[in-house]
PDB file of N, CA and C in Angstrom:
ATOM      1  N   MET A   1     -10.847  -4.449  10.890  1.00  0.00           N
ATOM      2  CA  MET A   1     -10.190  -4.331   9.074  1.00  0.00           C
ATOM      3  C   MET A   1     -10.096  -5.811   8.456  1.00  0.00           C
ATOM      4  N   THR A   2     -10.978  -5.975   7.544  1.00  0.00           N
ATOM      5  CA  THR A   2     -10.962  -7.226   7.222  1.00  0.00           C
ATOM      6  C   THR A   2      -9.461  -7.644   6.395  1.00  0.00           C
ATOM      7  N   PHE A   3      -8.380  -6.854   5.945  1.00  0.00           N
ATOM      8  CA  PHE A   3      -7.280  -7.484   5.290  1.00  0.00           C
ATOM      9  C   PHE A   3      -6.386  -7.841   6.154  1.00  0.00           C
ATOM     10  N   LEU A   4      -6.526  -7.770   7.701  1.00  0.00           N
ATOM     11  CA  LEU A   4      -5.768  -7.668   8.339  1.00  0.00           C
ATOM     12  C   LEU A   4      -6.219  -8.474   9.598  1.00  0.00           C
ATOM     13  N   PRO A   5      -4.902  -9.683   9.881  1.00  0.00           N
ATOM     14  CA  PRO A   5      -3.694  -9.716  10.118  1.00  0.00           C
ATOM     15  C   PRO A   5      -3.498 -10.116   8.321  1.00  0.00           C
ATOM     16  N   LEU A   6      -1.857 -10.200   8.053  1.00  0.00           N
ATOM     17  CA  LEU A   6      -1.538 -11.117   6.861  1.00  0.00           C
ATOM     18  C   LEU A   6      -1.562 -12.266   7.386  1.00  0.00           C
ATOM     19  N   LEU A   7      -1.715 -13.274   6.569  1.00  0.00           N
ATOM     20  CA  LEU A   7      -1.350 -14.439   6.528  1.00  0.00           C
ATOM     21  C   LEU A   7       0.172 -14.888   6.079  1.00  0.00           C
ATOM     22  N   ASP A   8       0.707 -15.606   7.051  1.00  0.00           N
ATOM     23  CA  ASP A   8       2.234 -16.134   6.957  1.00  0.00           C
ATOM     24  C   ASP A   8       2.551 -16.483   5.300  1.00  0.00           C
ATOM     25  N   THR A   9       2.125 -16.351   4.601  1.00  0.00           N
ATOM     26  CA  THR A   9       2.078 -16.252   3.017  1.00  0.00           C
ATOM     27  C   THR A   9       2.808 -15.471   2.250  1.00  0.00           C
ATOM     28  N   PHE A  10       1.869 -14.041   3.129  1.00  0.00           N
ATOM     29  CA  PHE A  10       2.338 -13.019   2.447  1.00  0.00           C
ATOM     30  C   PHE A  10       3.920 -12.800   2.267  1.00  0.00           C
ATOM     31  N   ASN A  11       4.210 -12.544   0.722  1.00  0.00           N
ATOM     32  CA  ASN A  11       6.002 -12.155   0.483  1.00  0.00           C
ATOM     33  C   ASN A  11       5.762 -10.267   0.334  1.00  0.00           C
ATOM     34  N   PRO A  12       6.476 -10.077   1.273  1.00  0.00           N
ATOM     35  CA  PRO A  12       6.736  -8.417   0.663  1.00  0.00           C
ATOM     36  C   PRO A  12       7.519  -8.174  -0.376  1.00  0.00           C
ATOM     37  N   ASN A  13       8.049  -9.351  -0.693  1.00  0.00           N
ATOM     38  CA  ASN A  13       9.017  -9.302  -2.163  1.00  0.00           C
ATOM     39  C   ASN A  13       8.302  -9.194  -3.517  1.00  0.00           C
ATOM     40  N   THR A  14       7.181 -10.057  -2.999  1.00  0.00           N
ATOM     41  CA  THR A  14       6.299 -10.535  -4.743  1.00  0.00           C
ATOM     42  C   THR A  14       4.905  -9.511  -4.637  1.00  0.00           C
ATOM     43  N   THR A  15       5.370  -9.173  -5.932  1.00  0.00           N
ATOM     44  CA  THR A  15       4.153  -7.780  -6.367  1.00  0.00           C
ATOM     45  C   THR A  15       2.915  -8.524  -6.283  1.00  0.00           C
ATOM     46  N   GLN A  16       2.888  -9.870  -6.775  1.00  0.00           N
ATOM     47  CA  GLN A  16       1.255 -10.288  -6.800  1.00  0.00           C
ATOM     48  C   GLN A  16       0.607 -10.223  -5.364  1.00  0.00           C
ATOM     49  N   ASP A  17       1.277 -10.961  -4.584  1.00  0.00           N
ATOM     50  CA  ASP A  17       0.691 -10.964  -2.819  1.00  0.00           C
ATOM     51  C   ASP A  17       0.850  -9.261  -2.748  1.00  0.00           C
ATOM     52  N   TRP A  18       1.133  -8.083  -3.156  1.00  0.00           N
ATOM     53  CA  TRP A  18       0.827  -6.411  -3.048  1.00  0.00           C
ATOM     54  C   TRP A  18      -0.250  -6.637  -3.614  1.00  0.00           C
ATOM     55  N   TRP A  19      -0.446  -6.922  -4.683  1.00  0.00           N
ATOM     56  CA  TRP A  19      -1.411  -6.846  -5.719  1.00  0.00           C
ATOM     57  C   TRP A  19      -2.659  -7.321  -4.952  1.00  0.00           C
ATOM     58  N   GLN A  20      -3.116  -8.388  -4.524  1.00  0.00           N
ATOM     59  CA  GLN A  20      -4.016  -9.128  -3.460  1.00  0.00           C
ATOM     60  C   GLN A  20      -4.279  -8.290  -2.587  1.00  0.00           C
ATOM     61  N   LEU A  21      -3.408  -8.111  -1.870  1.00  0.00           N
ATOM     62  CA  LEU A  21      -3.379  -6.766  -0.348  1.00  0.00           C
ATOM     63  C   LEU A  21      -4.020  -5.699  -1.258  1.00  0.00           C
ATOM     64  N   ALA A  22      -3.756  -5.347  -2.048  1.00  0.00           N
ATOM     65  CA  ALA A  22      -4.263  -3.656  -2.531  1.00  0.00           C
ATOM     66  C   ALA A  22      -5.489  -4.034  -2.762  1.00  0.00           C
ATOM     67  N   GLN A  23      -5.639  -5.167  -3.932  1.00  0.00           N
ATOM     68  CA  GLN A  23      -7.586  -5.409  -3.542  1.00  0.00           C
ATOM     69  C   GLN A  23      -8.172  -5.396  -2.336  1.00  0.00           C
ATOM     70  N   CYS A  24      -7.688  -6.395  -1.319  1.00  0.00           N
ATOM     71  CA  CYS A  24      -8.356  -6.088   0.016  1.00  0.00           C
ATOM     72  C   CYS A  24      -8.737  -4.789   0.427  1.00  0.00           C
ATOM     73  N   ILE A  25      -7.581  -4.167   0.383  1.00  0.00           N
ATOM     74  CA  ILE A  25      -7.717  -2.749   1.183  1.00  0.00           C
ATOM     75  C   ILE A  25      -8.814  -2.015   0.181  1.00  0.00           C
ATOM     76  N   GLN A  26      -9.154  -2.357  -1.071  1.00  0.00           N
ATOM     77  CA  GLN A  26      -9.624  -1.734  -1.790  1.00  0.00           C
ATOM     78  C   GLN A  26     -11.005  -1.638  -1.552  1.00  0.00           C
ATOM     79  N   ASP A  27     -11.663  -3.152  -1.451  1.00  0.00           N
ATOM     80  CA  ASP A  27     -12.724  -3.275  -1.486  1.00  0.00           C
ATOM     81  C   ASP A  27     -13.108  -3.176   0.027  1.00  0.00           C
ATOM     82  N   TRP A  28     -12.447  -3.069   1.227  1.00  0.00           N
ATOM     83  CA  TRP A  28     -12.700  -2.378   2.864  1.00  0.00           C
ATOM     84  C   TRP A  28     -12.550  -0.958   2.310  1.00  0.00           C
ATOM     85  N   LEU A  29     -12.325  -0.423   2.056  1.00  0.00           N
ATOM     86  CA  LEU A  29     -12.536   1.159   1.950  1.00  0.00           C
ATOM     87  C   LEU A  29     -13.225   1.849   1.551  1.00  0.00           C
ATOM     88  N   ILE A  30     -13.674   1.422   0.590  1.00  0.00           N
ATOM     89  CA  ILE A  30     -15.017   1.827  -0.572  1.00  0.00           C
ATOM     90  C   ILE A  30     -16.184   1.768   0.344  1.00  0.00           C
ATOM     91  N   ASN A  31     -15.493   0.879   1.319  1.00  0.00           N
ATOM     92  CA  ASN A  31     -17.115   0.469   2.285  1.00  0.00           C
ATOM     93  C   ASN A  31     -17.234   1.108   3.378  1.00  0.00           C
ATOM     94  N   ILE A  32     -16.355   2.011   3.449  1.00  0.00           N
ATOM     95  CA  ILE A  32     -16.294   2.763   5.244  1.00  0.00           C
ATOM     96  C   ILE A  32     -16.466   4.055   4.729  1.00  0.00           C
ATOM     97  N   PRO A  33     -16.842   5.120   6.206  1.00  0.00           N
ATOM     98  CA  PRO A  33     -17.631   6.303   5.593  1.00  0.00           C
ATOM     99  C   PRO A  33     -16.271   7.209   5.286  1.00  0.00           C
ATOM    100  N   HIS A  34     -16.375   7.796   4.738  1.00  0.00           N
ATOM    101  CA  HIS A  34     -14.927   8.800   3.885  1.00  0.00           C
ATOM    102  C   HIS A  34     -14.325  10.273   4.926  1.00  0.00           C
ATOM    103  N   ASP A  35     -15.359  10.367   5.910  1.00  0.00           N
ATOM    104  CA  ASP A  35     -14.878  11.212   6.741  1.00  0.00           C
ATOM    105  C   ASP A  35     -14.845  10.947   7.848  1.00  0.00           C
ATOM    106  N   SER A  36     -14.194   9.797   8.499  1.00  0.00           N
ATOM    107  CA  SER A  36     -13.575   8.832   9.177  1.00  0.00           C
ATOM    108  C   SER A  36     -11.846   8.997   9.422  1.00  0.00           C
ATOM    109  N   GLN A  37     -11.528   8.561  10.591  1.00  0.00           N
ATOM    110  CA  GLN A  37      -9.804   8.591  10.234  1.00  0.00           C
ATOM    111  C   GLN A  37      -9.622   7.522   9.868  1.00  0.00           C
ATOM    112  N   GLN A  38     -10.404   6.474   9.706  1.00  0.00           N
ATOM    113  CA  GLN A  38      -9.876   5.188   9.076  1.00  0.00           C
ATOM    114  C   GLN A  38      -9.943   5.356   7.736  1.00  0.00           C
ATOM    115  N   TRP A  39     -10.587   6.052   7.321  1.00  0.00           N
ATOM    116  CA  TRP A  39     -10.601   6.603   5.570  1.00  0.00           C
ATOM    117  C   TRP A  39      -9.413   6.926   5.251  1.00  0.00           C
ATOM    118  N   THR A  40      -8.712   7.881   5.871  1.00  0.00           N
ATOM    119  CA  THR A  40      -7.738   8.501   5.411  1.00  0.00           C
ATOM    120  C   THR A  40      -6.626   7.908   5.857  1.00  0.00           C
ATOM    121  N   TRP A  41      -6.461   7.251   6.826  1.00  0.00           N
ATOM    122  CA  TRP A  41      -5.397   5.807   6.990  1.00  0.00           C
ATOM    123  C   TRP A  41      -5.583   4.961   6.130  1.00  0.00           C
ATOM    124  N   GLY A  42      -6.716   4.148   5.875  1.00  0.00           N
ATOM    125  CA  GLY A  42      -6.977   3.200   4.455  1.00  0.00           C
ATOM    126  C   GLY A  42      -6.618   3.928   3.626  1.00  0.00           C
ATOM    127  N   CYS A  43      -6.497   5.162   2.725  1.00  0.00           N
ATOM    128  CA  CYS A  43      -5.920   5.319   1.904  1.00  0.00           C
ATOM    129  C   CYS A  43      -4.536   5.257   2.285  1.00  0.00           C
ATOM    130  N   ASP A  44      -4.034   5.809   2.848  1.00  0.00           N
ATOM    131  CA  ASP A  44      -2.672   5.740   2.770  1.00  0.00           C
ATOM    132  C   ASP A  44      -1.963   4.247   2.955  1.00  0.00           C
ATOM    133  N   VAL A  45      -2.731   3.322   3.362  1.00  0.00           N
ATOM    134  CA  VAL A  45      -2.364   1.855   3.402  1.00  0.00           C
ATOM    135  C   VAL A  45      -2.813   1.396   2.195  1.00  0.00           C
ATOM    136  N   PHE A  46      -3.917   2.117   1.528  1.00  0.00           N
ATOM    137  CA  PHE A  46      -3.811   1.492   0.068  1.00  0.00           C
ATOM    138  C   PHE A  46      -2.886   2.044  -0.561  1.00  0.00           C
ATOM    139  N   TRP A  47      -2.782   3.045  -0.565  1.00  0.00           N
ATOM    140  CA  TRP A  47      -1.609   3.813  -1.747  1.00  0.00           C
ATOM    141  C   TRP A  47      -0.396   2.595  -1.675  1.00  0.00           C
ATOM    142  N   LEU A  48       0.118   2.526  -0.292  1.00  0.00           N
ATOM    143  CA  LEU A  48       1.375   1.360  -0.159  1.00  0.00           C
ATOM    144  C   LEU A  48       1.309   0.213  -0.617  1.00  0.00           C
ATOM    145  N   ALA A  49       0.338  -0.259  -0.561  1.00  0.00           N
ATOM    146  CA  ALA A  49       0.053  -1.484  -0.718  1.00  0.00           C
ATOM    147  C   ALA A  49      -0.017  -1.636  -2.606  1.00  0.00           C
ATOM    148  N   PHE A  50      -0.796  -0.462  -3.377  1.00  0.00           N
ATOM    149  CA  PHE A  50      -0.857  -0.632  -4.798  1.00  0.00           C
ATOM    150  C   PHE A  50       0.734  -0.341  -5.101  1.00  0.00           C
ATOM    151  N   VAL A  51       1.569   0.843  -4.488  1.00  0.00           N
ATOM    152  CA  VAL A  51       2.937   0.463  -4.993  1.00  0.00           C
ATOM    153  C   VAL A  51       3.968  -0.276  -4.524  1.00  0.00           C
ATOM    154  N   GLY A  52       3.398  -1.419  -3.742  1.00  0.00           N
ATOM    155  CA  GLY A  52       4.217  -2.856  -3.263  1.00  0.00           C
ATOM    156  C   GLY A  52       4.011  -3.698  -4.787  1.00  0.00           C
ATOM    157  N   ALA A  53       2.493  -3.505  -5.067  1.00  0.00           N
ATOM    158  CA  ALA A  53       2.222  -4.293  -6.700  1.00  0.00           C
ATOM    159  C   ALA A  53       2.942  -3.292  -7.679  1.00  0.00           C
ATOM    160  N   HIS A  54       3.135  -2.371  -7.868  1.00  0.00           N
ATOM    161  CA  HIS A  54       3.686  -1.761  -8.730  1.00  0.00           C
ATOM    162  C   HIS A  54       4.837  -0.550  -8.513  1.00  0.00           C
ATOM    163  N   PRO A  55       6.095  -0.960  -8.034  1.00  0.00           N
ATOM    164  CA  PRO A  55       7.030  -0.569  -7.474  1.00  0.00           C
ATOM    165  C   PRO A  55       7.437   0.478  -8.063  1.00  0.00           C
ATOM    166  N   MET A  56       7.455   0.711  -9.459  1.00  0.00           N
ATOM    167  CA  MET A  56       7.595   2.003 -10.032  1.00  0.00           C
ATOM    168  C   MET A  56       6.710   3.240 -10.451  1.00  0.00           C
ATOM    169  N   PHE A  57       5.541   2.680  -9.835  1.00  0.00           N
ATOM    170  CA  PHE A  57       4.324   3.978  -9.989  1.00  0.00           C
ATOM    171  C   PHE A  57       4.840   5.194  -9.555  1.00  0.00           C
ATOM    172  N   PRO A  58       4.731   5.865 -10.584  1.00  0.00           N
ATOM    173  CA  PRO A  58       3.406   6.402 -11.315  1.00  0.00           C
ATOM    174  C   PRO A  58       4.186   6.126 -12.448  1.00  0.00           C
ATOM    175  N   LEU A  59       5.511   5.777 -12.897  1.00  0.00           N
ATOM    176  CA  LEU A  59       6.150   5.200 -14.073  1.00  0.00           C
ATOM    177  C   LEU A  59       5.813   3.736 -14.614  1.00  0.00           C
ATOM    178  N   GLY A  60       5.497   3.596 -15.922  1.00  0.00           N
ATOM    179  CA  GLY A  60       5.421   2.304 -16.392  1.00  0.00           C
ATOM    180  C   GLY A  60       4.264   1.929 -16.308  1.00  0.00           C
ATOM    181  N   ARG A  61       3.871   0.565 -15.792  1.00  0.00           N
ATOM    182  CA  ARG A  61       2.417   0.487 -16.428  1.00  0.00           C
ATOM    183  C   ARG A  61       2.131  -0.020 -15.067  1.00  0.00           C
ATOM    184  N   TRP A  62       0.435   0.061 -14.807  1.00  0.00           N
ATOM    185  CA  TRP A  62      -0.068  -0.573 -13.430  1.00  0.00           C
ATOM    186  C   TRP A  62      -1.703  -0.748 -13.646  1.00  0.00           C
ATOM    187  N   SER A  63      -2.107  -1.375 -13.094  1.00  0.00           N
ATOM    188  CA  SER A  63      -3.348  -1.883 -12.709  1.00  0.00           C
ATOM    189  C   SER A  63      -4.095  -0.574 -12.253  1.00  0.00           C
ATOM    190  N   PHE A  64      -5.710  -0.619 -12.745  1.00  0.00           N
ATOM    191  CA  PHE A  64      -6.850   0.433 -12.205  1.00  0.00           C
ATOM    192  C   PHE A  64      -6.833  -0.134 -10.839  1.00  0.00           C
ATOM    193  N   TRP A  65      -7.454   1.115 -10.313  1.00  0.00           N
ATOM    194  CA  TRP A  65      -7.999   1.164  -9.180  1.00  0.00           C
ATOM    195  C   TRP A  65      -9.016   1.720  -8.663  1.00  0.00           C
ATOM    196  N   ASP A  66     -10.037   1.733  -7.990  1.00  0.00           N
ATOM    197  CA  ASP A  66     -11.626   2.027  -7.899  1.00  0.00           C
ATOM    198  C   ASP A  66     -10.740   3.437  -7.837  1.00  0.00           C
ATOM    199  N   MET A  67     -11.771   4.491  -8.639  1.00  0.00           N
ATOM    200  CA  MET A  67     -11.560   5.947  -9.057  1.00  0.00           C
ATOM    201  C   MET A  67     -12.071   6.563  -7.572  1.00  0.00           C
ATOM    202  N   ARG A  68     -12.610   6.104  -6.616  1.00  0.00           N
ATOM    203  CA  ARG A  68     -13.708   6.561  -5.434  1.00  0.00           C
ATOM    204  C   ARG A  68     -12.228   6.703  -4.173  1.00  0.00           C
ATOM    205  N   ILE A  69     -11.220   6.045  -4.910  1.00  0.00           N
ATOM    206  CA  ILE A  69      -9.560   6.350  -3.643  1.00  0.00           C
ATOM    207  C   ILE A  69      -9.267   7.528  -4.926  1.00  0.00           C
ATOM    208  N   PRO A  70      -9.045   8.986  -3.898  1.00  0.00           N
ATOM    209  CA  PRO A  70      -8.161   9.579  -4.665  1.00  0.00           C
ATOM    210  C   PRO A  70      -6.896   9.327  -4.299  1.00  0.00           C
ATOM    211  N   LEU A  71      -5.986   9.952  -5.526  1.00  0.00           N
ATOM    212  CA  LEU A  71      -4.681  10.236  -5.612  1.00  0.00           C
ATOM    213  C   LEU A  71      -4.000  11.034  -4.650  1.00  0.00           C
ATOM    214  N   GLU A  72      -4.456  11.068  -3.319  1.00  0.00           N
ATOM    215  CA  GLU A  72      -4.281  12.122  -2.115  1.00  0.00           C
ATOM    216  C   GLU A  72      -3.696  11.445  -0.901  1.00  0.00           C
ATOM    217  N   GLY A  73      -2.959  12.685  -0.480  1.00  0.00           N
ATOM    218  CA  GLY A  73      -2.621  11.634   1.055  1.00  0.00           C
ATOM    219  C   GLY A  73      -1.317  11.818   1.104  1.00  0.00           C
ATOM    220  N   PRO A  74      -0.061  12.030   2.409  1.00  0.00           N
ATOM    221  CA  PRO A  74       1.152  12.511   2.088  1.00  0.00           C
ATOM    222  C   PRO A  74       2.145  11.222   1.598  1.00  0.00           C
ATOM    223  N   TYR A  75       1.485   9.913   1.556  1.00  0.00           N
ATOM    224  CA  TYR A  75       2.883   9.292   1.014  1.00  0.00           C
ATOM    225  C   TYR A  75       2.618   8.897  -0.280  1.00  0.00           C
ATOM    226  N   ILE A  76       1.226   8.738  -0.986  1.00  0.00           N
ATOM    227  CA  ILE A  76       1.319   8.679  -2.491  1.00  0.00           C
ATOM    228  C   ILE A  76       1.694  10.333  -3.117  1.00  0.00           C
ATOM    229  N   GLU A  77       1.068  11.139  -2.506  1.00  0.00           N
ATOM    230  CA  GLU A  77       1.940  12.561  -3.104  1.00  0.00           C
ATOM    231  C   GLU A  77       3.321  12.714  -3.165  1.00  0.00           C
ATOM    232  N   ASP A  78       4.062  12.276  -2.243  1.00  0.00           N
ATOM    233  CA  ASP A  78       5.816  12.415  -2.200  1.00  0.00           C
ATOM    234  C   ASP A  78       6.096  11.772  -2.894  1.00  0.00           C
ATOM    235  N   LEU A  79       5.658  10.532  -2.986  1.00  0.00           N
ATOM    236  CA  LEU A  79       5.676   9.703  -4.179  1.00  0.00           C
ATOM    237  C   LEU A  79       6.009   9.561  -5.812  1.00  0.00           C
ATOM    238  N   VAL A  80       4.661  10.747  -6.209  1.00  0.00           N
ATOM    239  CA  VAL A  80       4.232  10.968  -7.384  1.00  0.00           C
ATOM    240  C   VAL A  80       5.383  12.058  -7.518  1.00  0.00           C
ATOM    241  N   GLN A  81       5.611  13.114  -6.624  1.00  0.00           N
ATOM    242  CA  GLN A  81       6.589  14.065  -6.491  1.00  0.00           C
ATOM    243  C   GLN A  81       7.841  13.504  -7.023  1.00  0.00           C
ATOM    244  N   SER A  82       8.224  12.784  -5.914  1.00  0.00           N
ATOM    245  CA  SER A  82       9.628  11.919  -5.990  1.00  0.00           C
ATOM    246  C   SER A  82       9.759  11.630  -7.619  1.00  0.00           C
ATOM    247  N   SER A  83       9.077  11.033  -7.806  1.00  0.00           N
ATOM    248  CA  SER A  83       9.038  10.296  -9.228  1.00  0.00           C
ATOM    249  C   SER A  83       9.291  11.659 -10.413  1.00  0.00           C
ATOM    250  N   VAL A  84       8.602  12.267 -10.390  1.00  0.00           N
ATOM    251  CA  VAL A  84       8.544  13.302 -11.344  1.00  0.00           C
ATOM    252  C   VAL A  84       9.665  14.357 -10.897  1.00  0.00           C
ATOM    253  N   THR A  85      10.783  14.449  -9.823  1.00  0.00           N
ATOM    254  CA  THR A  85      12.042  14.824  -9.857  1.00  0.00           C
ATOM    255  C   THR A  85      12.955  13.817 -10.011  1.00  0.00           C
ATOM    256  N   GLY A  86      13.024  12.085 -10.364  1.00  0.00           N
ATOM    257  CA  GLY A  86      13.810  11.634 -10.916  1.00  0.00           C
ATOM    258  C   GLY A  86      14.409  11.043  -9.693  1.00  0.00           C
ATOM    259  N   GLY A  87      12.980  10.890  -8.231  1.00  0.00           N
ATOM    260  CA  GLY A  87      14.246  10.775  -6.996  1.00  0.00           C
ATOM    261  C   GLY A  87      14.021   8.921  -6.875  1.00  0.00           C
ATOM    262  N   ARG A  88      12.874   8.502  -7.855  1.00  0.00           N
ATOM    263  CA  ARG A  88      12.884   6.992  -7.396  1.00  0.00           C
ATOM    264  C   ARG A  88      13.817   5.979  -8.422  1.00  0.00           C
ATOM    265  N   THR A  89      14.038   6.543  -9.974  1.00  0.00           N
ATOM    266  CA  THR A  89      14.336   6.241 -11.069  1.00  0.00           C
ATOM    267  C   THR A  89      15.833   5.374 -10.340  1.00  0.00           C
ATOM    268  N   ASN A  90      16.485   5.585  -9.544  1.00  0.00           N
ATOM    269  CA  ASN A  90      18.061   5.110  -9.481  1.00  0.00           C
ATOM    270  C   ASN A  90      17.754   3.990  -8.278  1.00  0.00           C
ATOM    271  N   GLN A  91      16.823   3.385  -8.180  1.00  0.00           N
ATOM    272  CA  GLN A  91      16.516   2.361  -6.888  1.00  0.00           C
ATOM    273  C   GLN A  91      16.005   1.088  -7.638  1.00  0.00           C
ATOM    274  N   ASP A  92      16.744   0.234  -7.521  1.00  0.00           N
ATOM    275  CA  ASP A  92      15.585  -1.356  -8.225  1.00  0.00           C
ATOM    276  C   ASP A  92      14.894  -1.765  -7.298  1.00  0.00           C
ATOM    277  N   LYS A  93      14.051  -2.857  -7.951  1.00  0.00           N
ATOM    278  CA  LYS A  93      12.980  -3.344  -7.475  1.00  0.00           C
ATOM    279  C   LYS A  93      12.807  -3.810  -6.326  1.00  0.00           C
ATOM    280  N   THR A  94      13.643  -4.676  -5.295  1.00  0.00           N
ATOM    281  CA  THR A  94      14.007  -4.790  -4.369  1.00  0.00           C
ATOM    282  C   THR A  94      14.325  -3.680  -3.209  1.00  0.00           C
ATOM    283  N   THR A  95      15.095  -3.097  -3.384  1.00  0.00           N
ATOM    284  CA  THR A  95      14.904  -1.538  -2.606  1.00  0.00           C
ATOM    285  C   THR A  95      13.605  -0.938  -2.359  1.00  0.00           C
ATOM    286  N   LEU A  96      13.091  -0.768  -3.397  1.00  0.00           N
ATOM    287  CA  LEU A  96      11.732  -0.074  -3.604  1.00  0.00           C
ATOM    288  C   LEU A  96      11.025  -0.510  -2.648  1.00  0.00           C
ATOM    289  N   LEU A  97      10.745  -2.160  -3.073  1.00  0.00           N
ATOM    290  CA  LEU A  97       9.717  -3.173  -2.251  1.00  0.00           C
ATOM    291  C   LEU A  97      10.273  -3.296  -0.519  1.00  0.00           C
ATOM    292  N   GLU A  98      11.224  -3.047  -0.294  1.00  0.00           N
ATOM    293  CA  GLU A  98      12.181  -3.436   0.801  1.00  0.00           C
ATOM    294  C   GLU A  98      11.182  -1.820   1.715  1.00  0.00           C
ATOM    295  N   GLN A  99      11.757  -0.963   1.082  1.00  0.00           N
ATOM    296  CA  GLN A  99      11.187   0.297   1.393  1.00  0.00           C
ATOM    297  C   GLN A  99       9.821   0.631   1.915  1.00  0.00           C
ATOM    298  N   THR A 100       8.745  -0.329   0.834  1.00  0.00           N
ATOM    299  CA  THR A 100       7.148  -0.234   0.825  1.00  0.00           C
ATOM    300  C   THR A 100       6.783  -0.797   2.180  1.00  0.00           C
ATOM    301  N   TRP A 101       7.908  -1.669   2.428  1.00  0.00           N
ATOM    302  CA  TRP A 101       7.383  -3.083   3.438  1.00  0.00           C
ATOM    303  C   TRP A 101       7.789  -2.055   4.790  1.00  0.00           C
ATOM    304  N   LEU A 102       8.924  -1.433   4.978  1.00  0.00           N
ATOM    305  CA  LEU A 102       8.907  -0.656   6.340  1.00  0.00           C
ATOM    306  C   LEU A 102       8.281   0.269   6.103  1.00  0.00           C
ATOM    307  N   GLU A 103       7.625   1.076   5.422  1.00  0.00           N
ATOM    308  CA  GLU A 103       6.776   2.183   5.480  1.00  0.00           C
ATOM    309  C   GLU A 103       5.165   1.859   5.608  1.00  0.00           C
ATOM    310  N   PHE A 104       4.930   0.376   5.266  1.00  0.00           N
ATOM    311  CA  PHE A 104       3.647  -0.271   5.186  1.00  0.00           C
ATOM    312  C   PHE A 104       3.729  -0.609   6.803  1.00  0.00           C
ATOM    313  N   CYS A 105       4.552  -1.472   7.420  1.00  0.00           N
ATOM    314  CA  CYS A 105       4.990  -1.684   8.548  1.00  0.00           C
ATOM    315  C   CYS A 105       3.972  -0.633   9.606  1.00  0.00           C
ATOM    316  N   SER A 106       5.014   0.363   9.445  1.00  0.00           N
ATOM    317  CA  SER A 106       4.893   1.789  10.222  1.00  0.00           C
ATOM    318  C   SER A 106       3.647   2.017  10.089  1.00  0.00           C
ATOM    319  N   HIS A 107       3.046   2.259   8.853  1.00  0.00           N
ATOM    320  CA  HIS A 107       1.799   3.017   9.034  1.00  0.00           C
ATOM    321  C   HIS A 107       0.784   2.027   9.688  1.00  0.00           C
ATOM    322  N   VAL A 108       0.453   1.142   8.692  1.00  0.00           N
ATOM    323  CA  VAL A 108      -0.462  -0.064   9.545  1.00  0.00           C
ATOM    324  C   VAL A 108      -0.214  -0.158  11.369  1.00  0.00           C
ATOM    325  N   SER A 109       0.532   0.035  11.807  1.00  0.00           N
ATOM    326  CA  SER A 109       0.656   0.161  13.681  1.00  0.00           C
ATOM    327  C   SER A 109      -0.030   1.353  14.129  1.00  0.00           C
ATOM    328  N   LEU A 110      -0.191   2.588  13.122  1.00  0.00           N
ATOM    329  CA  LEU A 110      -1.005   3.715  13.905  1.00  0.00           C
ATOM    330  C   LEU A 110      -2.669   3.046  14.451  1.00  0.00           C
ATOM    331  N   PHE A 111      -2.980   2.191  13.449  1.00  0.00           N
ATOM    332  CA  PHE A 111      -4.585   1.824  13.706  1.00  0.00           C
ATOM    333  C   PHE A 111      -4.428   0.288  14.086  1.00  0.00           C
ATOM    334  N   TYR A 112      -3.322  -0.257  14.158  1.00  0.00           N
ATOM    335  CA  TYR A 112      -3.674  -1.876  14.087  1.00  0.00           C
ATOM    336  C   TYR A 112      -2.286  -2.345  14.927  1.00  0.00           C
ATOM    337  N   PRO A 113      -2.683  -2.152  16.504  1.00  0.00           N
ATOM    338  CA  PRO A 113      -1.545  -2.385  17.777  1.00  0.00           C
ATOM    339  C   PRO A 113      -1.260  -4.079  17.698  1.00  0.00           C
ATOM    340  N   PHE A 114      -1.730  -4.839  16.722  1.00  0.00           N
ATOM    341  CA  PHE A 114      -1.328  -5.877  17.166  1.00  0.00           C
ATOM    342  C   PHE A 114      -0.495  -7.133  15.558  1.00  0.00           C
ATOM    343  N   PRO A 115       0.207  -7.945  16.348  1.00  0.00           N
ATOM    344  CA  PRO A 115       0.954  -8.347  15.046  1.00  0.00           C
ATOM    345  C   PRO A 115       0.635  -8.412  13.545  1.00  0.00           C
ATOM    346  N   LEU A 116       1.384  -8.395  12.759  1.00  0.00           N
ATOM    347  CA  LEU A 116       0.684  -7.618  11.640  1.00  0.00           C
ATOM    348  C   LEU A 116       0.946  -8.789  10.451  1.00  0.00           C
ATOM    349  N   ILE A 117       1.495  -9.981  11.159  1.00  0.00           N
ATOM    350  CA  ILE A 117       1.567 -11.297  10.054  1.00  0.00           C
ATOM    351  C   ILE A 117       1.344 -12.504  11.451  1.00  0.00           C
ATOM    352  N   VAL A 118       0.468 -13.361  10.887  1.00  0.00           N
ATOM    353  CA  VAL A 118      -0.233 -14.412  11.616  1.00  0.00           C
ATOM    354  C   VAL A 118       0.342 -15.768  11.053  1.00  0.00           C
ATOM    355  N   ASP A 119       0.519 -16.736  11.633  1.00  0.00           N
ATOM    356  CA  ASP A 119       0.702 -18.570  11.024  1.00  0.00           C
ATOM    357  C   ASP A 119      -0.959 -19.007  11.303  1.00  0.00           C
ATOM    358  N   MET A 120      -1.553 -19.767  10.483  1.00  0.00           N
ATOM    359  CA  MET A 120      -2.704 -19.445  10.403  1.00  0.00           C
ATOM    360  C   MET A 120      -2.792 -20.978  10.602  1.00  0.00           C
ATOM    361  N   GLN A 121      -1.720 -21.820  10.817  1.00  0.00           N
ATOM    362  CA  GLN A 121      -1.421 -23.511  10.806  1.00  0.00           C
ATOM    363  C   GLN A 121      -2.341 -23.639  12.174  1.00  0.00           C
TER     364      GLN A 121
END
């Protein structure tokens, strides 16, 4: 996976860092077979990073993503449903980013059993 490990400069509280990560995951994801376990895992990882970049998604404004990545998977479907029912509107951006980071770490570990962030010095 070309987007892992994350550099020690990655800040999970900064939406711009999440956006850069989402773009890297997207570039990787559209080049792997769609019928692989990595594709399914990668879609969820992409959506986690995308939501880190746009914590209020699907509400508000957000950047475009490659439409070859479907709005499917347990994480994103639950998030969209929760947004429709008002479950996310009571949380502030910091809390949403913290939750996204925890879910991202947990999900990434399914296929990446190494340290997630490395010091590149």
